[in-house]
Amino acid sequence: MESNKAVIGAILFILLVVGANFVMYAIARGAVNTKGKGFWETINKSLYTPSKRENSMDELRKKMEELEKGKKEDTQTPRSRKDNGTM
């Protein structure tokens, strides 16, 4: 009698876990499947989108390049005698 209750309990537990997994799969599949795109394509795209930090680092990198470029242009222009300190 006790072994029957244990088997029934185990079967109910297994069904509960399988049912919960099926429901979660259906929810995730419905949420991800947008505009006819495939599951893996959407997951791949979401993993590799640039974050806000990467965007700010790109802006900083561009600003540094502009400053270095401006600094090089300033050093390449000929200076007048007053700028050199000679008259």
PDB file of N, CA and C in Angstrom:
ATOM      1  N   MET A   1       0.817  -1.187   0.000  1.00  0.00           N
ATOM      2  CA  MET A   1       0.000   0.000   0.000  1.00  0.00           C
ATOM      3  C   MET A   1       0.866   1.259   0.000  1.00  0.00           C
ATOM      4  N   GLU A   2       1.904   1.252   0.827  1.00  0.00           N
ATOM      5  CA  GLU A   2       2.774   2.428   0.900  1.00  0.00           C
ATOM      6  C   GLU A   2       3.587   2.594  -0.376  1.00  0.00           C
ATOM      7  N   SER A   3       3.976   1.487  -0.996  1.00  0.00           N
ATOM      8  CA  SER A   3       4.749   1.590  -2.238  1.00  0.00           C
ATOM      9  C   SER A   3       3.884   2.156  -3.364  1.00  0.00           C
ATOM     10  N   ASN A   4       2.581   1.841  -3.341  1.00  0.00           N
ATOM     11  CA  ASN A   4       1.680   2.404  -4.348  1.00  0.00           C
ATOM     12  C   ASN A   4       1.576   3.915  -4.194  1.00  0.00           C
ATOM     13  N   LYS A   5       1.510   4.400  -2.964  1.00  0.00           N
ATOM     14  CA  LYS A   5       1.435   5.851  -2.715  1.00  0.00           C
ATOM     15  C   LYS A   5       2.727   6.529  -3.147  1.00  0.00           C
ATOM     16  N   ALA A   6       3.849   5.880  -2.935  1.00  0.00           N
ATOM     17  CA  ALA A   6       5.135   6.449  -3.338  1.00  0.00           C
ATOM     18  C   ALA A   6       5.224   6.537  -4.855  1.00  0.00           C
ATOM     19  N   VAL A   7       4.772   5.503  -5.550  1.00  0.00           N
ATOM     20  CA  VAL A   7       4.812   5.494  -7.008  1.00  0.00           C
ATOM     21  C   VAL A   7       3.874   6.561  -7.564  1.00  0.00           C
ATOM     22  N   ILE A   8       2.682   6.673  -7.014  1.00  0.00           N
ATOM     23  CA  ILE A   8       1.732   7.691  -7.462  1.00  0.00           C
ATOM     24  C   ILE A   8       2.295   9.083  -7.202  1.00  0.00           C
ATOM     25  N   GLY A   9       2.921   9.296  -6.045  1.00  0.00           N
ATOM     26  CA  GLY A   9       3.541  10.580  -5.725  1.00  0.00           C
ATOM     27  C   GLY A   9       4.669  10.917  -6.687  1.00  0.00           C
ATOM     28  N   ALA A  10       5.487   9.921  -7.028  1.00  0.00           N
ATOM     29  CA  ALA A  10       6.599  10.128  -7.970  1.00  0.00           C
ATOM     30  C   ALA A  10       6.063  10.474  -9.357  1.00  0.00           C
ATOM     31  N   ILE A  11       5.023   9.774  -9.784  1.00  0.00           N
ATOM     32  CA  ILE A  11       4.437  10.047 -11.107  1.00  0.00           C
ATOM     33  C   ILE A  11       3.830  11.449 -11.143  1.00  0.00           C
ATOM     34  N   LEU A  12       3.128  11.834 -10.076  1.00  0.00           N
ATOM     35  CA  LEU A  12       2.557  13.185 -10.022  1.00  0.00           C
ATOM     36  C   LEU A  12       3.653  14.253 -10.045  1.00  0.00           C
ATOM     37  N   PHE A  13       4.744  14.018  -9.327  1.00  0.00           N
ATOM     38  CA  PHE A  13       5.866  14.967  -9.318  1.00  0.00           C
ATOM     39  C   PHE A  13       6.476  15.102 -10.712  1.00  0.00           C
ATOM     40  N   ILE A  14       6.676  13.975 -11.377  1.00  0.00           N
ATOM     41  CA  ILE A  14       7.253  13.994 -12.725  1.00  0.00           C
ATOM     42  C   ILE A  14       6.320  14.738 -13.688  1.00  0.00           C
ATOM     43  N   LEU A  15       5.031  14.466 -13.603  1.00  0.00           N
ATOM     44  CA  LEU A  15       4.069  15.160 -14.463  1.00  0.00           C
ATOM     45  C   LEU A  15       4.046  16.659 -14.184  1.00  0.00           C
ATOM     46  N   LEU A  16       4.169  17.025 -12.925  1.00  0.00           N
ATOM     47  CA  LEU A  16       4.199  18.445 -12.554  1.00  0.00           C
ATOM     48  C   LEU A  16       5.426  19.138 -13.153  1.00  0.00           C
ATOM     49  N   VAL A  17       6.575  18.501 -13.052  1.00  0.00           N
ATOM     50  CA  VAL A  17       7.806  19.081 -13.597  1.00  0.00           C
ATOM     51  C   VAL A  17       7.731  19.172 -15.120  1.00  0.00           C
ATOM     52  N   VAL A  18       7.272  18.111 -15.777  1.00  0.00           N
ATOM     53  CA  VAL A  18       7.163  18.121 -17.243  1.00  0.00           C
ATOM     54  C   VAL A  18       6.148  19.170 -17.690  1.00  0.00           C
ATOM     55  N   GLY A  19       5.025  19.272 -16.993  1.00  0.00           N
ATOM     56  CA  GLY A  19       4.012  20.274 -17.337  1.00  0.00           C
ATOM     57  C   GLY A  19       4.535  21.688 -17.172  1.00  0.00           C
ATOM     58  N   ALA A  20       5.259  21.956 -16.080  1.00  0.00           N
ATOM     59  CA  ALA A  20       5.823  23.290 -15.850  1.00  0.00           C
ATOM     60  C   ALA A  20       6.845  23.634 -16.934  1.00  0.00           C
ATOM     61  N   ASN A  21       7.656  22.661 -17.312  1.00  0.00           N
ATOM     62  CA  ASN A  21       8.638  22.902 -18.376  1.00  0.00           C
ATOM     63  C   ASN A  21       7.951  23.193 -19.700  1.00  0.00           C
ATOM     64  N   PHE A  22       6.883  22.489 -20.003  1.00  0.00           N
ATOM     65  CA  PHE A  22       6.152  22.728 -21.237  1.00  0.00           C
ATOM     66  C   PHE A  22       5.553  24.131 -21.257  1.00  0.00           C
ATOM     67  N   VAL A  23       4.974  24.547 -20.141  1.00  0.00           N
ATOM     68  CA  VAL A  23       4.388  25.888 -20.056  1.00  0.00           C
ATOM     69  C   VAL A  23       5.462  26.952 -20.225  1.00  0.00           C
ATOM     70  N   MET A  24       6.604  26.794 -19.561  1.00  0.00           N
ATOM     71  CA  MET A  24       7.692  27.773 -19.693  1.00  0.00           C
ATOM     72  C   MET A  24       8.229  27.812 -21.124  1.00  0.00           C
ATOM     73  N   TYR A  25       8.338  26.644 -21.762  1.00  0.00           N
ATOM     74  CA  TYR A  25       8.789  26.592 -23.146  1.00  0.00           C
ATOM     75  C   TYR A  25       7.818  27.349 -24.056  1.00  0.00           C
ATOM     76  N   ALA A  26       6.519  27.134 -23.855  1.00  0.00           N
ATOM     77  CA  ALA A  26       5.514  27.795 -24.690  1.00  0.00           C
ATOM     78  C   ALA A  26       5.552  29.308 -24.491  1.00  0.00           C
ATOM     79  N   ILE A  27       5.726  29.746 -23.257  1.00  0.00           N
ATOM     80  CA  ILE A  27       5.799  31.190 -22.986  1.00  0.00           C
ATOM     81  C   ILE A  27       7.040  31.791 -23.633  1.00  0.00           C
ATOM     82  N   ALA A  28       8.178  31.138 -23.451  1.00  0.00           N
ATOM     83  CA  ALA A  28       9.428  31.654 -24.022  1.00  0.00           C
ATOM     84  C   ALA A  28       9.377  31.642 -25.543  1.00  0.00           C
ATOM     85  N   ARG A  29       8.827  30.602 -26.102  1.00  0.00           N
ATOM     86  CA  ARG A  29       8.747  30.501 -27.569  1.00  0.00           C
ATOM     87  C   ARG A  29       7.847  31.602 -28.139  1.00  0.00           C
ATOM     88  N   GLY A  30       6.744  31.868 -27.472  1.00  0.00           N
ATOM     89  CA  GLY A  30       5.846  32.917 -27.932  1.00  0.00           C
ATOM     90  C   GLY A  30       6.441  34.300 -27.778  1.00  0.00           C
ATOM     91  N   ALA A  31       7.219  34.520 -26.721  1.00  0.00           N
ATOM     92  CA  ALA A  31       7.821  35.829 -26.483  1.00  0.00           C
ATOM     93  C   ALA A  31       8.962  36.101 -27.450  1.00  0.00           C
ATOM     94  N   VAL A  32       9.674  35.058 -27.822  1.00  0.00           N
ATOM     95  CA  VAL A  32      10.859  35.232 -28.662  1.00  0.00           C
ATOM     96  C   VAL A  32      10.500  35.253 -30.142  1.00  0.00           C
ATOM     97  N   ASN A  33       9.498  34.519 -30.533  1.00  0.00           N
ATOM     98  CA  ASN A  33       9.150  34.402 -31.945  1.00  0.00           C
ATOM     99  C   ASN A  33       8.423  35.657 -32.404  1.00  0.00           C
ATOM    100  N   THR A  34       9.192  36.662 -32.839  1.00  0.00           N
ATOM    101  CA  THR A  34       8.613  37.926 -33.262  1.00  0.00           C
ATOM    102  C   THR A  34       8.910  38.174 -34.730  1.00  0.00           C
ATOM    103  N   LYS A  35       7.930  38.648 -35.442  1.00  0.00           N
ATOM    104  CA  LYS A  35       8.051  39.061 -36.843  1.00  0.00           C
ATOM    105  C   LYS A  35       8.655  37.981 -37.739  1.00  0.00           C
ATOM    106  N   GLY A  36       8.340  36.746 -37.477  1.00  0.00           N
ATOM    107  CA  GLY A  36       8.784  35.663 -38.340  1.00  0.00           C
ATOM    108  C   GLY A  36      10.241  35.291 -38.194  1.00  0.00           C
ATOM    109  N   LYS A  37      10.945  35.901 -37.283  1.00  0.00           N
ATOM    110  CA  LYS A  37      12.345  35.546 -37.093  1.00  0.00           C
ATOM    111  C   LYS A  37      12.429  34.248 -36.296  1.00  0.00           C
ATOM    112  N   GLY A  38      13.487  33.533 -36.513  1.00  0.00           N
ATOM    113  CA  GLY A  38      13.669  32.273 -35.818  1.00  0.00           C
ATOM    114  C   GLY A  38      14.120  32.463 -34.380  1.00  0.00           C
ATOM    115  N   PHE A  39      14.005  31.402 -33.633  1.00  0.00           N
ATOM    116  CA  PHE A  39      14.354  31.414 -32.211  1.00  0.00           C
ATOM    117  C   PHE A  39      15.819  31.765 -32.010  1.00  0.00           C
ATOM    118  N   TRP A  40      16.706  31.059 -32.699  1.00  0.00           N
ATOM    119  CA  TRP A  40      18.143  31.276 -32.497  1.00  0.00           C
ATOM    120  C   TRP A  40      18.595  32.641 -32.995  1.00  0.00           C
ATOM    121  N   GLU A  41      17.996  33.118 -34.071  1.00  0.00           N
ATOM    122  CA  GLU A  41      18.354  34.439 -34.606  1.00  0.00           C
ATOM    123  C   GLU A  41      18.032  35.536 -33.591  1.00  0.00           C
ATOM    124  N   THR A  42      16.873  35.435 -32.978  1.00  0.00           N
ATOM    125  CA  THR A  42      16.476  36.434 -31.995  1.00  0.00           C
ATOM    126  C   THR A  42      17.356  36.370 -30.757  1.00  0.00           C
ATOM    127  N   ILE A  43      17.659  35.156 -30.295  1.00  0.00           N
ATOM    128  CA  ILE A  43      18.534  34.994 -29.127  1.00  0.00           C
ATOM    129  C   ILE A  43      19.922  35.550 -29.443  1.00  0.00           C
ATOM    130  N   ASN A  44      20.447  35.224 -30.612  1.00  0.00           N
ATOM    131  CA  ASN A  44      21.769  35.705 -31.020  1.00  0.00           C
ATOM    132  C   ASN A  44      21.809  37.233 -31.062  1.00  0.00           C
ATOM    133  N   LYS A  45      20.780  37.836 -31.619  1.00  0.00           N
ATOM    134  CA  LYS A  45      20.726  39.292 -31.726  1.00  0.00           C
ATOM    135  C   LYS A  45      20.655  39.940 -30.352  1.00  0.00           C
ATOM    136  N   SER A  46      19.899  39.348 -29.446  1.00  0.00           N
ATOM    137  CA  SER A  46      19.763  39.930 -28.114  1.00  0.00           C
ATOM    138  C   SER A  46      21.060  39.805 -27.311  1.00  0.00           C
ATOM    139  N   LEU A  47      21.852  38.789 -27.595  1.00  0.00           N
ATOM    140  CA  LEU A  47      23.101  38.612 -26.857  1.00  0.00           C
ATOM    141  C   LEU A  47      24.186  39.583 -27.307  1.00  0.00           C
ATOM    142  N   TYR A  48      24.147  39.995 -28.555  1.00  0.00           N
ATOM    143  CA  TYR A  48      25.229  40.806 -29.096  1.00  0.00           C
ATOM    144  C   TYR A  48      24.850  42.247 -29.380  1.00  0.00           C
ATOM    145  N   THR A  49      23.839  42.768 -28.747  1.00  0.00           N
ATOM    146  CA  THR A  49      23.517  44.180 -28.916  1.00  0.00           C
ATOM    147  C   THR A  49      24.470  45.006 -28.066  1.00  0.00           C
ATOM    148  N   PRO A  50      24.974  46.110 -28.597  1.00  0.00           N
ATOM    149  CA  PRO A  50      25.909  46.918 -27.807  1.00  0.00           C
ATOM    150  C   PRO A  50      25.199  47.534 -26.614  1.00  0.00           C
ATOM    151  N   SER A  51      25.881  47.509 -25.509  1.00  0.00           N
ATOM    152  CA  SER A  51      25.286  48.064 -24.301  1.00  0.00           C
ATOM    153  C   SER A  51      25.550  49.562 -24.231  1.00  0.00           C
ATOM    154  N   LYS A  52      24.955  50.198 -23.257  1.00  0.00           N
ATOM    155  CA  LYS A  52      25.114  51.646 -23.085  1.00  0.00           C
ATOM    156  C   LYS A  52      26.580  51.982 -22.780  1.00  0.00           C
ATOM    157  N   ARG A  53      27.240  51.106 -22.031  1.00  0.00           N
ATOM    158  CA  ARG A  53      28.640  51.333 -21.682  1.00  0.00           C
ATOM    159  C   ARG A  53      29.519  51.285 -22.933  1.00  0.00           C
ATOM    160  N   GLU A  54      29.275  50.331 -23.818  1.00  0.00           N
ATOM    161  CA  GLU A  54      30.054  50.238 -25.048  1.00  0.00           C
ATOM    162  C   GLU A  54      29.844  51.474 -25.919  1.00  0.00           C
ATOM    163  N   ASN A  55      28.618  51.979 -25.971  1.00  0.00           N
ATOM    164  CA  ASN A  55      28.342  53.177 -26.756  1.00  0.00           C
ATOM    165  C   ASN A  55      29.094  54.375 -26.197  1.00  0.00           C
ATOM    166  N   SER A  56      29.120  54.509 -24.873  1.00  0.00           N
ATOM    167  CA  SER A  56      29.834  55.636 -24.281  1.00  0.00           C
ATOM    168  C   SER A  56      31.336  55.492 -24.495  1.00  0.00           C
ATOM    169  N   MET A  57      31.838  54.254 -24.496  1.00  0.00           N
ATOM    170  CA  MET A  57      33.260  54.046 -24.763  1.00  0.00           C
ATOM    171  C   MET A  57      33.588  54.397 -26.214  1.00  0.00           C
ATOM    172  N   ASP A  58      32.689  54.101 -27.134  1.00  0.00           N
ATOM    173  CA  ASP A  58      32.903  54.475 -28.527  1.00  0.00           C
ATOM    174  C   ASP A  58      32.936  55.989 -28.680  1.00  0.00           C
ATOM    175  N   GLU A  59      32.034  56.683 -27.985  1.00  0.00           N
ATOM    176  CA  GLU A  59      32.022  58.148 -28.037  1.00  0.00           C
ATOM    177  C   GLU A  59      33.328  58.706 -27.482  1.00  0.00           C
ATOM    178  N   LEU A  60      33.797  58.141 -26.380  1.00  0.00           N
ATOM    179  CA  LEU A  60      35.043  58.600 -25.779  1.00  0.00           C
ATOM    180  C   LEU A  60      36.214  58.350 -26.718  1.00  0.00           C
ATOM    181  N   ARG A  61      36.240  57.189 -27.357  1.00  0.00           N
ATOM    182  CA  ARG A  61      37.313  56.852 -28.288  1.00  0.00           C
ATOM    183  C   ARG A  61      37.331  57.827 -29.467  1.00  0.00           C
ATOM    184  N   LYS A  62      36.145  58.154 -29.998  1.00  0.00           N
ATOM    185  CA  LYS A  62      36.063  59.101 -31.114  1.00  0.00           C
ATOM    186  C   LYS A  62      36.535  60.489 -30.695  1.00  0.00           C
ATOM    187  N   LYS A  63      36.143  60.911 -29.498  1.00  0.00           N
ATOM    188  CA  LYS A  63      36.557  62.229 -28.998  1.00  0.00           C
ATOM    189  C   LYS A  63      38.069  62.287 -28.837  1.00  0.00           C
ATOM    190  N   MET A  64      38.664  61.205 -28.313  1.00  0.00           N
ATOM    191  CA  MET A  64      40.118  61.174 -28.153  1.00  0.00           C
ATOM    192  C   MET A  64      40.819  61.225 -29.514  1.00  0.00           C
ATOM    193  N   GLU A  65      40.278  60.521 -30.500  1.00  0.00           N
ATOM    194  CA  GLU A  65      40.863  60.563 -31.839  1.00  0.00           C
ATOM    195  C   GLU A  65      40.782  61.965 -32.427  1.00  0.00           C
ATOM    196  N   GLU A  66      39.650  62.644 -32.211  1.00  0.00           N
ATOM    197  CA  GLU A  66      39.505  64.014 -32.713  1.00  0.00           C
ATOM    198  C   GLU A  66      40.510  64.946 -32.036  1.00  0.00           C
ATOM    199  N   LEU A  67      40.685  64.776 -30.733  1.00  0.00           N
ATOM    200  CA  LEU A  67      41.635  65.634 -30.017  1.00  0.00           C
ATOM    201  C   LEU A  67      43.065  65.377 -30.476  1.00  0.00           C
ATOM    202  N   GLU A  68      43.425  64.107 -30.650  1.00  0.00           N
ATOM    203  CA  GLU A  68      44.773  63.788 -31.131  1.00  0.00           C
ATOM    204  C   GLU A  68      44.983  64.317 -32.545  1.00  0.00           C
ATOM    205  N   LYS A  69      43.957  64.216 -33.367  1.00  0.00           N
ATOM    206  CA  LYS A  69      44.030  64.724 -34.738  1.00  0.00           C
ATOM    207  C   LYS A  69      44.227  66.241 -34.731  1.00  0.00           C
ATOM    208  N   GLY A  70      43.480  66.928 -33.880  1.00  0.00           N
ATOM    209  CA  GLY A  70      43.618  68.378 -33.763  1.00  0.00           C
ATOM    210  C   GLY A  70      44.982  68.768 -33.231  1.00  0.00           C
ATOM    211  N   LYS A  71      45.513  67.989 -32.310  1.00  0.00           N
ATOM    212  CA  LYS A  71      46.826  68.270 -31.744  1.00  0.00           C
ATOM    213  C   LYS A  71      47.909  68.101 -32.816  1.00  0.00           C
ATOM    214  N   LYS A  72      47.790  67.081 -33.652  1.00  0.00           N
ATOM    215  CA  LYS A  72      48.766  66.867 -34.716  1.00  0.00           C
ATOM    216  C   LYS A  72      48.696  67.994 -35.742  1.00  0.00           C
ATOM    217  N   GLU A  73      47.487  68.443 -36.050  1.00  0.00           N
ATOM    218  CA  GLU A  73      47.341  69.535 -37.003  1.00  0.00           C
ATOM    219  C   GLU A  73      47.944  70.822 -36.456  1.00  0.00           C
ATOM    220  N   ASP A  74      47.805  71.047 -35.147  1.00  0.00           N
ATOM    221  CA  ASP A  74      48.375  72.245 -34.536  1.00  0.00           C
ATOM    222  C   ASP A  74      49.892  72.224 -34.584  1.00  0.00           C
ATOM    223  N   THR A  75      50.488  71.065 -34.401  1.00  0.00           N
ATOM    224  CA  THR A  75      51.954  70.989 -34.405  1.00  0.00           C
ATOM    225  C   THR A  75      52.507  71.064 -35.819  1.00  0.00           C
ATOM    226  N   GLN A  76      51.723  70.761 -36.829  1.00  0.00           N
ATOM    227  CA  GLN A  76      52.207  70.789 -38.202  1.00  0.00           C
ATOM    228  C   GLN A  76      52.091  72.168 -38.836  1.00  0.00           C
ATOM    229  N   THR A  77      51.299  73.059 -38.291  1.00  0.00           N
ATOM    230  CA  THR A  77      51.156  74.388 -38.873  1.00  0.00           C
ATOM    231  C   THR A  77      52.380  75.224 -38.518  1.00  0.00           C
ATOM    232  N   PRO A  78      52.856  76.044 -39.460  1.00  0.00           N
ATOM    233  CA  PRO A  78      54.017  76.882 -39.147  1.00  0.00           C
ATOM    234  C   PRO A  78      53.641  77.969 -38.143  1.00  0.00           C
ATOM    235  N   ARG A  79      54.563  78.227 -37.243  1.00  0.00           N
ATOM    236  CA  ARG A  79      54.309  79.237 -36.211  1.00  0.00           C
ATOM    237  C   ARG A  79      54.970  80.557 -36.626  1.00  0.00           C
ATOM    238  N   SER A  80      54.381  81.609 -36.161  1.00  0.00           N
ATOM    239  CA  SER A  80      54.972  82.917 -36.448  1.00  0.00           C
ATOM    240  C   SER A  80      56.137  83.135 -35.493  1.00  0.00           C
ATOM    241  N   ARG A  81      56.888  84.200 -35.706  1.00  0.00           N
ATOM    242  CA  ARG A  81      58.030  84.507 -34.843  1.00  0.00           C
ATOM    243  C   ARG A  81      57.607  84.851 -33.431  1.00  0.00           C
ATOM    244  N   LYS A  82      56.452  85.484 -33.288  1.00  0.00           N
ATOM    245  CA  LYS A  82      55.974  85.826 -31.942  1.00  0.00           C
ATOM    246  C   LYS A  82      55.664  84.561 -31.144  1.00  0.00           C
ATOM    247  N   ASP A  83      55.113  83.538 -31.799  1.00  0.00           N
ATOM    248  CA  ASP A  83      54.785  82.301 -31.107  1.00  0.00           C
ATOM    249  C   ASP A  83      56.037  81.565 -30.679  1.00  0.00           C
ATOM    250  N   ASN A  84      57.111  81.677 -31.440  1.00  0.00           N
ATOM    251  CA  ASN A  84      58.341  80.988 -31.092  1.00  0.00           C
ATOM    252  C   ASN A  84      59.125  81.715 -30.013  1.00  0.00           C
ATOM    253  N   GLY A  85      58.748  82.920 -29.734  1.00  0.00           N
ATOM    254  CA  GLY A  85      59.467  83.690 -28.726  1.00  0.00           C
ATOM    255  C   GLY A  85      60.639  84.471 -29.282  1.00  0.00           C
ATOM    256  N   THR A  86      60.861  84.416 -30.600  1.00  0.00           N
ATOM    257  CA  THR A  86      61.935  85.184 -31.215  1.00  0.00           C
ATOM    258  C   THR A  86      61.360  86.325 -32.015  1.00  0.00           C
ATOM    259  N   MET A  87      62.071  87.390 -32.076  1.00  0.00           N
ATOM    260  CA  MET A  87      61.599  88.543 -32.836  1.00  0.00           C
ATOM    261  C   MET A  87      62.563  88.880 -33.907  1.00  0.00           C
TER     262      MET A  87
END
